[in-house]
Amino acid sequence: MKNKTLATVSAIALISTAPVLTQAVRAQTENKTETSTSGSITEDAKEAWENIKSDTSDAYEEVKATLIGDEKSDNNMSVTIQSRKTANGIIGNPVYNEKQERVAKVTDIILDENGKAMMVVVADGSFIGMGKKAAFDYSAITRVEKDGDVIMPLSETIIDNATTFSYDKKDRSDDVRIIPDNGYSVAKLLDGKLVNQKQETVADIENISFKNGSANQLIVGFNKVLGMGGESVALSYSDAEIIRDGENLNFQLSAKKSAQLEAYKKTATN
């Protein structure tokens, strides 16, 4: 996935806590007189993560952008979007159940052709979320906490017993759940570009916001350097059409929306 600003902030926060995590695990595994351990480095790492999780919660902020001509008006307006209701605010975050057990990590969201979220893809409870992938109905997400934690009624046993998920349609079988024919990977969409009718790139895809289980706004950026500075704008998700460019997925604007965006870009840079 593209190194988005929010993801960068989250990564910096995690990197900055890495020494603390290492020290916490070492203290738990070496100092037996003061702290009991599970005997498992993985379990101790999980516990250490819980102890420092509050240090990274401030990484989830509000996304501010300019909405380019919504459905009811051609006028632009400033909008503020809660990051925890966006793709970048969900993908990559840990999954907890109501017992406060960390059971997985969100790796992707699958949309249908109309932008409705069909599935949430998770990797099982390995500490870094690199284990078995399984997909559950998006409606299984109970809520997303202010610190970005995703709450779902899952357990490690449920994930272990779930059908393995695959993006490769050649893997189709009774033992594998594949991405639907009308499904789009949000993780892949975030790596795409916003293009005009001539297939020219006009902006980078930065984020997708969700409302009532569907994608409702596409956040894009331009004039940015290494993901910093520049301008962020929002478009109604329905204003852009998903098109394929080889293995890549891009969003294409209508001629009208392209003109609106170009007009805004001129005023923003003057």
C-alpha atoms as a PDB file:
ATOM      1  CA  MET A   1       0.000   0.000   0.000  1.00  0.00           C
ATOM      2  CA  LYS A   2       1.145   3.496  -0.726  1.00  0.00           C
ATOM      3  CA  ASN A   3       2.884   5.279   2.166  1.00  0.00           C
ATOM      4  CA  LYS A   4       0.011   7.570   3.101  1.00  0.00           C
ATOM      5  CA  THR A   5       0.420  10.356   5.638  1.00  0.00           C
ATOM      6  CA  LEU A   6      -1.728   8.658   8.248  1.00  0.00           C
ATOM      7  CA  ALA A   7       0.059   5.355   7.734  1.00  0.00           C
ATOM      8  CA  THR A   8       3.383   7.150   8.055  1.00  0.00           C
ATOM      9  CA  VAL A   9       2.368   8.703  11.371  1.00  0.00           C
ATOM     10  CA  SER A  10       1.224   5.296  12.633  1.00  0.00           C
ATOM     11  CA  ALA A  11       4.479   3.678  11.505  1.00  0.00           C
ATOM     12  CA  ILE A  12       6.562   6.363  13.207  1.00  0.00           C
ATOM     13  CA  ALA A  13       4.567   5.890  16.405  1.00  0.00           C
ATOM     14  CA  LEU A  14       5.111   2.138  16.280  1.00  0.00           C
ATOM     15  CA  ILE A  15       8.820   2.441  15.485  1.00  0.00           C
ATOM     16  CA  SER A  16       9.289   4.873  18.350  1.00  0.00           C
ATOM     17  CA  THR A  17       7.788   2.362  20.748  1.00  0.00           C
ATOM     18  CA  ALA A  18       9.827  -0.583  19.442  1.00  0.00           C
ATOM     19  CA  PRO A  19      12.637  -0.182  22.011  1.00  0.00           C
ATOM     20  CA  VAL A  20      10.042   0.006  24.764  1.00  0.00           C
ATOM     21  CA  LEU A  21       8.416  -3.151  23.451  1.00  0.00           C
ATOM     22  CA  THR A  22      11.756  -4.956  23.297  1.00  0.00           C
ATOM     23  CA  GLN A  23      12.636  -3.867  26.835  1.00  0.00           C
ATOM     24  CA  ALA A  24       9.217  -4.861  28.102  1.00  0.00           C
ATOM     25  CA  VAL A  25       9.500  -8.330  26.590  1.00  0.00           C
ATOM     26  CA  ARG A  26      13.061  -8.715  27.911  1.00  0.00           C
ATOM     27  CA  ALA A  27      11.963  -7.619  31.377  1.00  0.00           C
ATOM     28  CA  GLN A  28       9.125 -10.114  31.361  1.00  0.00           C
ATOM     29  CA  THR A  29      11.283 -12.967  30.140  1.00  0.00           C
ATOM     30  CA  GLU A  30      14.335 -12.274  32.323  1.00  0.00           C
ATOM     31  CA  ASN A  31      13.048 -10.785  35.580  1.00  0.00           C
ATOM     32  CA  LYS A  32      11.091 -13.714  36.968  1.00  0.00           C
ATOM     33  CA  THR A  33      11.134 -12.396  40.506  1.00  0.00           C
ATOM     34  CA  GLU A  34       8.985  -9.391  39.642  1.00  0.00           C
ATOM     35  CA  THR A  35       6.933 -10.461  36.613  1.00  0.00           C
ATOM     36  CA  SER A  36       5.460 -13.810  35.698  1.00  0.00           C
ATOM     37  CA  THR A  37       5.658 -14.879  32.055  1.00  0.00           C
ATOM     38  CA  SER A  38       3.678 -17.220  29.866  1.00  0.00           C
ATOM     39  CA  GLY A  39       6.828 -19.000  28.740  1.00  0.00           C
ATOM     40  CA  SER A  40       6.095 -17.861  25.186  1.00  0.00           C
ATOM     41  CA  ILE A  41       7.864 -14.913  23.587  1.00  0.00           C
ATOM     42  CA  THR A  42       4.831 -14.359  21.369  1.00  0.00           C
ATOM     43  CA  GLU A  43       2.445 -14.206  24.310  1.00  0.00           C
ATOM     44  CA  ASP A  44       4.798 -11.934  26.251  1.00  0.00           C
ATOM     45  CA  ALA A  45       5.094  -9.663  23.201  1.00  0.00           C
ATOM     46  CA  LYS A  46       1.314  -9.452  23.006  1.00  0.00           C
ATOM     47  CA  GLU A  47       1.140  -8.470  26.660  1.00  0.00           C
ATOM     48  CA  ALA A  48       3.888  -5.901  26.193  1.00  0.00           C
ATOM     49  CA  TRP A  49       1.976  -4.485  23.227  1.00  0.00           C
ATOM     50  CA  GLU A  50      -1.103  -4.093  25.402  1.00  0.00           C
ATOM     51  CA  ASN A  51       0.957  -2.174  27.948  1.00  0.00           C
ATOM     52  CA  ILE A  52       2.196   0.376  25.409  1.00  0.00           C
ATOM     53  CA  LYS A  53      -0.854   0.515  23.097  1.00  0.00           C
ATOM     54  CA  SER A  54      -2.035   3.780  24.608  1.00  0.00           C
ATOM     55  CA  ASP A  55       1.209   5.428  23.467  1.00  0.00           C
ATOM     56  CA  THR A  56       0.221   5.022  19.799  1.00  0.00           C
ATOM     57  CA  SER A  57      -3.470   5.915  20.062  1.00  0.00           C
ATOM     58  CA  ASP A  58      -2.866   9.574  19.212  1.00  0.00           C
ATOM     59  CA  ALA A  59      -1.846   8.550  15.676  1.00  0.00           C
ATOM     60  CA  TYR A  60      -5.505   8.419  14.652  1.00  0.00           C
ATOM     61  CA  GLU A  61      -6.586  11.921  13.756  1.00  0.00           C
ATOM     62  CA  GLU A  62      -9.189  13.672  11.650  1.00  0.00           C
ATOM     63  CA  VAL A  63      -8.756  13.938   7.902  1.00  0.00           C
ATOM     64  CA  LYS A  64      -9.345  17.442   6.583  1.00  0.00           C
ATOM     65  CA  ALA A  65     -10.032  17.974   2.892  1.00  0.00           C
ATOM     66  CA  THR A  66     -11.995  20.105   0.441  1.00  0.00           C
ATOM     67  CA  LEU A  67     -15.051  18.408  -1.011  1.00  0.00           C
ATOM     68  CA  ILE A  68     -15.197  19.074  -4.744  1.00  0.00           C
ATOM     69  CA  GLY A  69     -18.750  19.818  -5.866  1.00  0.00           C
ATOM     70  CA  ASP A  70     -21.015  17.318  -4.113  1.00  0.00           C
ATOM     71  CA  GLU A  71     -24.191  15.805  -5.566  1.00  0.00           C
ATOM     72  CA  LYS A  72     -26.411  18.710  -4.475  1.00  0.00           C
ATOM     73  CA  SER A  73     -24.149  21.590  -5.455  1.00  0.00           C
ATOM     74  CA  ASP A  74     -21.177  22.459  -7.621  1.00  0.00           C
ATOM     75  CA  ASN A  75     -19.740  24.512  -4.755  1.00  0.00           C
ATOM     76  CA  ASN A  76     -16.641  23.299  -2.931  1.00  0.00           C
ATOM     77  CA  MET A  77     -16.631  23.059   0.847  1.00  0.00           C
ATOM     78  CA  SER A  78     -14.278  22.019   3.647  1.00  0.00           C
ATOM     79  CA  VAL A  79     -14.937  18.622   5.206  1.00  0.00           C
ATOM     80  CA  THR A  80     -13.537  16.792   8.219  1.00  0.00           C
ATOM     81  CA  ILE A  81     -13.527  12.999   8.190  1.00  0.00           C
ATOM     82  CA  GLN A  82     -12.875  10.780  11.196  1.00  0.00           C
ATOM     83  CA  SER A  83      -9.872   8.659  10.217  1.00  0.00           C
ATOM     84  CA  ARG A  84     -11.237   5.602  12.033  1.00  0.00           C
ATOM     85  CA  LYS A  85     -14.084   5.565   9.497  1.00  0.00           C
ATOM     86  CA  THR A  86     -11.682   5.317   6.583  1.00  0.00           C
ATOM     87  CA  ALA A  87      -9.764   2.547   4.860  1.00  0.00           C
ATOM     88  CA  ASN A  88      -6.452   3.749   6.326  1.00  0.00           C
ATOM     89  CA  GLY A  89      -8.082   3.921   9.745  1.00  0.00           C
ATOM     90  CA  ILE A  90      -9.154   0.269   9.570  1.00  0.00           C
ATOM     91  CA  ILE A  91      -6.671  -1.634   7.397  1.00  0.00           C
ATOM     92  CA  GLY A  92      -3.533  -2.544   9.319  1.00  0.00           C
ATOM     93  CA  ASN A  93      -5.158  -2.198  12.727  1.00  0.00           C
ATOM     94  CA  PRO A  94      -5.607  -4.951  15.304  1.00  0.00           C
ATOM     95  CA  VAL A  95      -8.851  -6.860  15.788  1.00  0.00           C
ATOM     96  CA  TYR A  96     -10.118  -7.388  19.316  1.00  0.00           C
ATOM     97  CA  ASN A  97     -13.196  -9.207  20.563  1.00  0.00           C
ATOM     98  CA  GLU A  98     -15.465  -8.054  23.384  1.00  0.00           C
ATOM     99  CA  LYS A  99     -13.224  -9.915  25.856  1.00  0.00           C
ATOM    100  CA  GLN A 100     -10.404  -7.520  24.891  1.00  0.00           C
ATOM    101  CA  GLU A 101      -8.462 -10.393  23.323  1.00  0.00           C
ATOM    102  CA  ARG A 102      -6.299  -9.448  20.362  1.00  0.00           C
ATOM    103  CA  VAL A 103      -7.174 -12.093  17.766  1.00  0.00           C
ATOM    104  CA  ALA A 104      -6.178 -10.744  14.352  1.00  0.00           C
ATOM    105  CA  LYS A 105      -5.152  -7.832  12.165  1.00  0.00           C
ATOM    106  CA  VAL A 106      -7.190  -6.259   9.362  1.00  0.00           C
ATOM    107  CA  THR A 107      -5.389  -6.616   6.022  1.00  0.00           C
ATOM    108  CA  ASP A 108      -8.059  -5.550   3.524  1.00  0.00           C
ATOM    109  CA  ILE A 109     -11.659  -4.612   2.791  1.00  0.00           C
ATOM    110  CA  ILE A 110     -13.490  -5.964  -0.248  1.00  0.00           C
ATOM    111  CA  LEU A 111     -16.012  -3.724  -2.038  1.00  0.00           C
ATOM    112  CA  ASP A 112     -18.575  -4.582  -4.675  1.00  0.00           C
ATOM    113  CA  GLU A 113     -18.926  -2.607  -7.912  1.00  0.00           C
ATOM    114  CA  ASN A 114     -21.189  -0.068  -6.172  1.00  0.00           C
ATOM    115  CA  GLY A 115     -18.830   0.568  -3.271  1.00  0.00           C
ATOM    116  CA  LYS A 116     -20.664  -1.558  -0.707  1.00  0.00           C
ATOM    117  CA  ALA A 117     -18.262  -3.202   1.729  1.00  0.00           C
ATOM    118  CA  MET A 118     -18.805  -6.942   1.412  1.00  0.00           C
ATOM    119  CA  MET A 119     -15.904  -8.458   3.331  1.00  0.00           C
ATOM    120  CA  VAL A 120     -13.201  -7.612   5.811  1.00  0.00           C
ATOM    121  CA  VAL A 121     -10.036  -9.683   5.418  1.00  0.00           C
ATOM    122  CA  VAL A 122      -8.017 -10.470   8.533  1.00  0.00           C
ATOM    123  CA  ALA A 123      -4.773 -12.280   9.296  1.00  0.00           C
ATOM    124  CA  ASP A 124      -4.889 -14.520  12.330  1.00  0.00           C
ATOM    125  CA  GLY A 125      -3.515 -13.796  15.763  1.00  0.00           C
ATOM    126  CA  SER A 126       0.193 -13.912  15.035  1.00  0.00           C
ATOM    127  CA  PHE A 127       1.733 -10.844  16.657  1.00  0.00           C
ATOM    128  CA  ILE A 128       2.601  -9.124  13.367  1.00  0.00           C
ATOM    129  CA  GLY A 129      -0.544 -10.272  11.566  1.00  0.00           C
ATOM    130  CA  MET A 130       1.254 -12.363   8.923  1.00  0.00           C
ATOM    131  CA  GLY A 131      -0.624 -15.608   9.476  1.00  0.00           C
ATOM    132  CA  LYS A 132      -3.575 -17.276   7.808  1.00  0.00           C
ATOM    133  CA  LYS A 133      -5.970 -14.951   5.996  1.00  0.00           C
ATOM    134  CA  ALA A 134      -9.730 -15.317   6.381  1.00  0.00           C
ATOM    135  CA  ALA A 135     -12.614 -13.145   5.173  1.00  0.00           C
ATOM    136  CA  PHE A 136     -15.759 -12.324   7.133  1.00  0.00           C
ATOM    137  CA  ASP A 137     -18.827 -10.276   6.268  1.00  0.00           C
ATOM    138  CA  TYR A 138     -18.082  -6.589   6.726  1.00  0.00           C
ATOM    139  CA  SER A 139     -21.152  -6.344   8.964  1.00  0.00           C
ATOM    140  CA  ALA A 140     -19.233  -8.454  11.503  1.00  0.00           C
ATOM    141  CA  ILE A 141     -17.327  -5.306  12.490  1.00  0.00           C
ATOM    142  CA  THR A 142     -19.077  -4.212  15.678  1.00  0.00           C
ATOM    143  CA  ARG A 143     -17.275  -0.882  15.893  1.00  0.00           C
ATOM    144  CA  VAL A 144     -13.937   0.838  15.469  1.00  0.00           C
ATOM    145  CA  GLU A 145     -12.551   2.389  18.629  1.00  0.00           C
ATOM    146  CA  LYS A 146     -11.048   5.879  18.798  1.00  0.00           C
ATOM    147  CA  ASP A 147      -7.551   4.373  18.925  1.00  0.00           C
ATOM    148  CA  GLY A 148      -8.225   2.404  15.736  1.00  0.00           C
ATOM    149  CA  ASP A 149      -8.876  -1.000  17.309  1.00  0.00           C
ATOM    150  CA  VAL A 150     -11.432  -2.974  15.290  1.00  0.00           C
ATOM    151  CA  ILE A 151     -13.969  -4.869  17.408  1.00  0.00           C
ATOM    152  CA  MET A 152     -15.361  -8.123  15.966  1.00  0.00           C
ATOM    153  CA  PRO A 153     -16.943 -11.214  17.564  1.00  0.00           C
ATOM    154  CA  LEU A 154     -13.988 -13.443  16.687  1.00  0.00           C
ATOM    155  CA  SER A 155     -11.624 -15.770  18.454  1.00  0.00           C
ATOM    156  CA  GLU A 156      -8.440 -17.475  17.336  1.00  0.00           C
ATOM    157  CA  THR A 157     -10.406 -20.721  17.125  1.00  0.00           C
ATOM    158  CA  ILE A 158     -13.016 -19.193  14.828  1.00  0.00           C
ATOM    159  CA  ILE A 159     -10.287 -17.855  12.535  1.00  0.00           C
ATOM    160  CA  ASP A 160      -8.414 -21.177  12.595  1.00  0.00           C
ATOM    161  CA  ASN A 161     -11.596 -22.999  11.541  1.00  0.00           C
ATOM    162  CA  ALA A 162     -12.615 -20.424   8.922  1.00  0.00           C
ATOM    163  CA  THR A 163     -12.107 -21.028   5.217  1.00  0.00           C
ATOM    164  CA  THR A 164      -8.815 -19.621   3.964  1.00  0.00           C
ATOM    165  CA  PHE A 165      -9.159 -16.485   1.817  1.00  0.00           C
ATOM    166  CA  SER A 166      -7.328 -15.988  -1.487  1.00  0.00           C
ATOM    167  CA  TYR A 167      -7.194 -13.253  -4.144  1.00  0.00           C
ATOM    168  CA  ASP A 168      -6.216 -15.803  -6.803  1.00  0.00           C
ATOM    169  CA  LYS A 169      -9.296 -17.182  -8.529  1.00  0.00           C
ATOM    170  CA  LYS A 170      -7.273 -20.224  -9.531  1.00  0.00           C
ATOM    171  CA  ASP A 171      -7.411 -21.248  -5.864  1.00  0.00           C
ATOM    172  CA  ARG A 172     -11.192 -21.648  -6.009  1.00  0.00           C
ATOM    173  CA  SER A 173     -12.240 -24.744  -4.060  1.00  0.00           C
ATOM    174  CA  ASP A 174     -14.436 -25.845  -1.175  1.00  0.00           C
ATOM    175  CA  ASP A 175     -11.525 -25.143   1.160  1.00  0.00           C
ATOM    176  CA  VAL A 176     -10.738 -21.634  -0.110  1.00  0.00           C
ATOM    177  CA  ARG A 177     -12.890 -18.497  -0.225  1.00  0.00           C
ATOM    178  CA  ILE A 178     -11.809 -16.272  -3.091  1.00  0.00           C
ATOM    179  CA  ILE A 179     -12.493 -12.633  -3.859  1.00  0.00           C
ATOM    180  CA  PRO A 180     -15.876 -12.371  -5.672  1.00  0.00           C
ATOM    181  CA  ASP A 181     -15.939 -11.664  -9.414  1.00  0.00           C
ATOM    182  CA  ASN A 182     -17.467  -8.253  -8.671  1.00  0.00           C
ATOM    183  CA  GLY A 183     -15.125  -7.586  -5.756  1.00  0.00           C
ATOM    184  CA  TYR A 184     -12.408  -4.951  -5.465  1.00  0.00           C
ATOM    185  CA  SER A 185      -9.571  -4.931  -2.948  1.00  0.00           C
ATOM    186  CA  VAL A 186      -9.432  -1.597  -1.117  1.00  0.00           C
ATOM    187  CA  ALA A 187      -5.741  -2.170  -0.400  1.00  0.00           C
ATOM    188  CA  LYS A 188      -5.174  -2.359  -4.149  1.00  0.00           C
ATOM    189  CA  LEU A 189      -7.412   0.627  -4.875  1.00  0.00           C
ATOM    190  CA  LEU A 190      -5.311   2.730  -2.507  1.00  0.00           C
ATOM    191  CA  ASP A 191      -2.295   1.975  -4.687  1.00  0.00           C
ATOM    192  CA  GLY A 192      -4.054   3.380  -7.741  1.00  0.00           C
ATOM    193  CA  LYS A 193      -4.288   6.792  -9.366  1.00  0.00           C
ATOM    194  CA  LEU A 194      -7.074   9.240 -10.126  1.00  0.00           C
ATOM    195  CA  VAL A 195      -7.179   9.755 -13.894  1.00  0.00           C
ATOM    196  CA  ASN A 196      -9.162  11.866 -16.336  1.00  0.00           C
ATOM    197  CA  GLN A 197     -10.889  10.826 -19.534  1.00  0.00           C
ATOM    198  CA  LYS A 198      -7.511  10.849 -21.346  1.00  0.00           C
ATOM    199  CA  GLN A 199      -6.053   8.403 -18.800  1.00  0.00           C
ATOM    200  CA  GLU A 200      -3.822  11.180 -17.465  1.00  0.00           C
ATOM    201  CA  THR A 201      -3.028  11.099 -13.751  1.00  0.00           C
ATOM    202  CA  VAL A 202      -4.589  14.078 -11.953  1.00  0.00           C
ATOM    203  CA  ALA A 203      -4.117  13.024  -8.318  1.00  0.00           C
ATOM    204  CA  ASP A 204      -2.988  10.211  -6.018  1.00  0.00           C
ATOM    205  CA  ILE A 205      -5.485   8.061  -4.128  1.00  0.00           C
ATOM    206  CA  GLU A 206      -4.986   8.720  -0.415  1.00  0.00           C
ATOM    207  CA  ASN A 207      -7.954   7.216   1.384  1.00  0.00           C
ATOM    208  CA  ILE A 208     -11.553   6.033   1.165  1.00  0.00           C
ATOM    209  CA  SER A 209     -14.123   6.952   3.794  1.00  0.00           C
ATOM    210  CA  PHE A 210     -17.068   4.762   4.755  1.00  0.00           C
ATOM    211  CA  LYS A 211     -20.619   5.503   5.837  1.00  0.00           C
ATOM    212  CA  ASN A 212     -23.281   2.923   6.703  1.00  0.00           C
ATOM    213  CA  GLY A 213     -21.165   0.092   5.347  1.00  0.00           C
ATOM    214  CA  SER A 214     -20.407   1.670   1.973  1.00  0.00           C
ATOM    215  CA  ALA A 215     -17.623   3.770   0.508  1.00  0.00           C
ATOM    216  CA  ASN A 216     -18.946   7.329   0.351  1.00  0.00           C
ATOM    217  CA  GLN A 217     -15.935   9.572  -0.278  1.00  0.00           C
ATOM    218  CA  LEU A 218     -12.684   9.245  -2.173  1.00  0.00           C
ATOM    219  CA  ILE A 219      -9.848  11.316  -0.705  1.00  0.00           C
ATOM    220  CA  VAL A 220      -7.111  12.240  -3.187  1.00  0.00           C
ATOM    221  CA  GLY A 221      -4.044  14.454  -3.061  1.00  0.00           C
ATOM    222  CA  PHE A 222      -1.829  16.474  -5.348  1.00  0.00           C
ATOM    223  CA  ASN A 223       1.305  18.635  -5.137  1.00  0.00           C
ATOM    224  CA  LYS A 224       2.616  16.518  -2.264  1.00  0.00           C
ATOM    225  CA  VAL A 225       6.223  15.599  -1.591  1.00  0.00           C
ATOM    226  CA  LEU A 226       6.753  12.203   0.030  1.00  0.00           C
ATOM    227  CA  GLY A 227       3.124  12.293   1.132  1.00  0.00           C
ATOM    228  CA  MET A 228       3.529  15.604   2.918  1.00  0.00           C
ATOM    229  CA  GLY A 229       2.191  19.091   2.184  1.00  0.00           C
ATOM    230  CA  GLY A 230       0.143  19.710  -0.934  1.00  0.00           C
ATOM    231  CA  GLU A 231      -3.645  19.556  -0.990  1.00  0.00           C
ATOM    232  CA  SER A 232      -6.188  16.895  -0.063  1.00  0.00           C
ATOM    233  CA  VAL A 233      -9.566  16.883  -1.745  1.00  0.00           C
ATOM    234  CA  ALA A 234     -12.597  14.657  -1.396  1.00  0.00           C
ATOM    235  CA  LEU A 235     -14.975  13.458  -4.078  1.00  0.00           C
ATOM    236  CA  SER A 236     -18.177  11.523  -3.814  1.00  0.00           C
ATOM    237  CA  TYR A 237     -17.213   7.876  -4.311  1.00  0.00           C
ATOM    238  CA  SER A 238     -19.831   7.611  -7.048  1.00  0.00           C
ATOM    239  CA  ASP A 239     -18.121  10.419  -8.994  1.00  0.00           C
ATOM    240  CA  ALA A 240     -15.328   8.089 -10.087  1.00  0.00           C
ATOM    241  CA  GLU A 241     -15.404   4.783 -11.956  1.00  0.00           C
ATOM    242  CA  ILE A 242     -12.967   1.956 -11.243  1.00  0.00           C
ATOM    243  CA  ILE A 243     -10.991   1.005 -14.345  1.00  0.00           C
ATOM    244  CA  ARG A 244      -8.244  -1.552 -14.878  1.00  0.00           C
ATOM    245  CA  ASP A 245      -4.796  -0.687 -16.157  1.00  0.00           C
ATOM    246  CA  GLY A 246      -3.132  -4.066 -16.530  1.00  0.00           C
ATOM    247  CA  GLU A 247      -2.823  -5.408 -13.005  1.00  0.00           C
ATOM    248  CA  ASN A 248      -3.537  -1.988 -11.497  1.00  0.00           C
ATOM    249  CA  LEU A 249      -6.846  -0.413 -10.494  1.00  0.00           C
ATOM    250  CA  ASN A 250      -7.435   3.301 -11.034  1.00  0.00           C
ATOM    251  CA  PHE A 251     -10.353   5.688 -10.520  1.00  0.00           C
ATOM    252  CA  GLN A 252     -11.508   7.628 -13.569  1.00  0.00           C
ATOM    253  CA  LEU A 253     -13.422  10.906 -13.305  1.00  0.00           C
ATOM    254  CA  SER A 254     -16.141  12.087 -15.636  1.00  0.00           C
ATOM    255  CA  ALA A 255     -15.329  15.057 -17.869  1.00  0.00           C
ATOM    256  CA  LYS A 256     -17.367  17.345 -15.595  1.00  0.00           C
ATOM    257  CA  LYS A 257     -15.635  16.251 -12.393  1.00  0.00           C
ATOM    258  CA  SER A 258     -12.247  16.448 -14.053  1.00  0.00           C
ATOM    259  CA  ALA A 259     -12.965  20.050 -14.993  1.00  0.00           C
ATOM    260  CA  GLN A 260     -14.110  20.859 -11.454  1.00  0.00           C
ATOM    261  CA  LEU A 261     -10.970  19.337  -9.976  1.00  0.00           C
ATOM    262  CA  GLU A 262      -8.667  21.126 -12.413  1.00  0.00           C
ATOM    263  CA  ALA A 263     -10.399  24.437 -11.648  1.00  0.00           C
ATOM    264  CA  TYR A 264      -9.866  23.857  -7.920  1.00  0.00           C
ATOM    265  CA  LYS A 265      -6.218  22.903  -8.440  1.00  0.00           C
ATOM    266  CA  LYS A 266      -5.590  26.199 -10.215  1.00  0.00           C
ATOM    267  CA  THR A 267      -7.088  28.239  -7.384  1.00  0.00           C
ATOM    268  CA  ALA A 268      -5.291  26.148  -4.739  1.00  0.00           C
ATOM    269  CA  THR A 269      -1.879  26.729  -6.265  1.00  0.00           C
ATOM    270  CA  ASN A 270      -2.306  30.442  -7.017  1.00  0.00           C
END
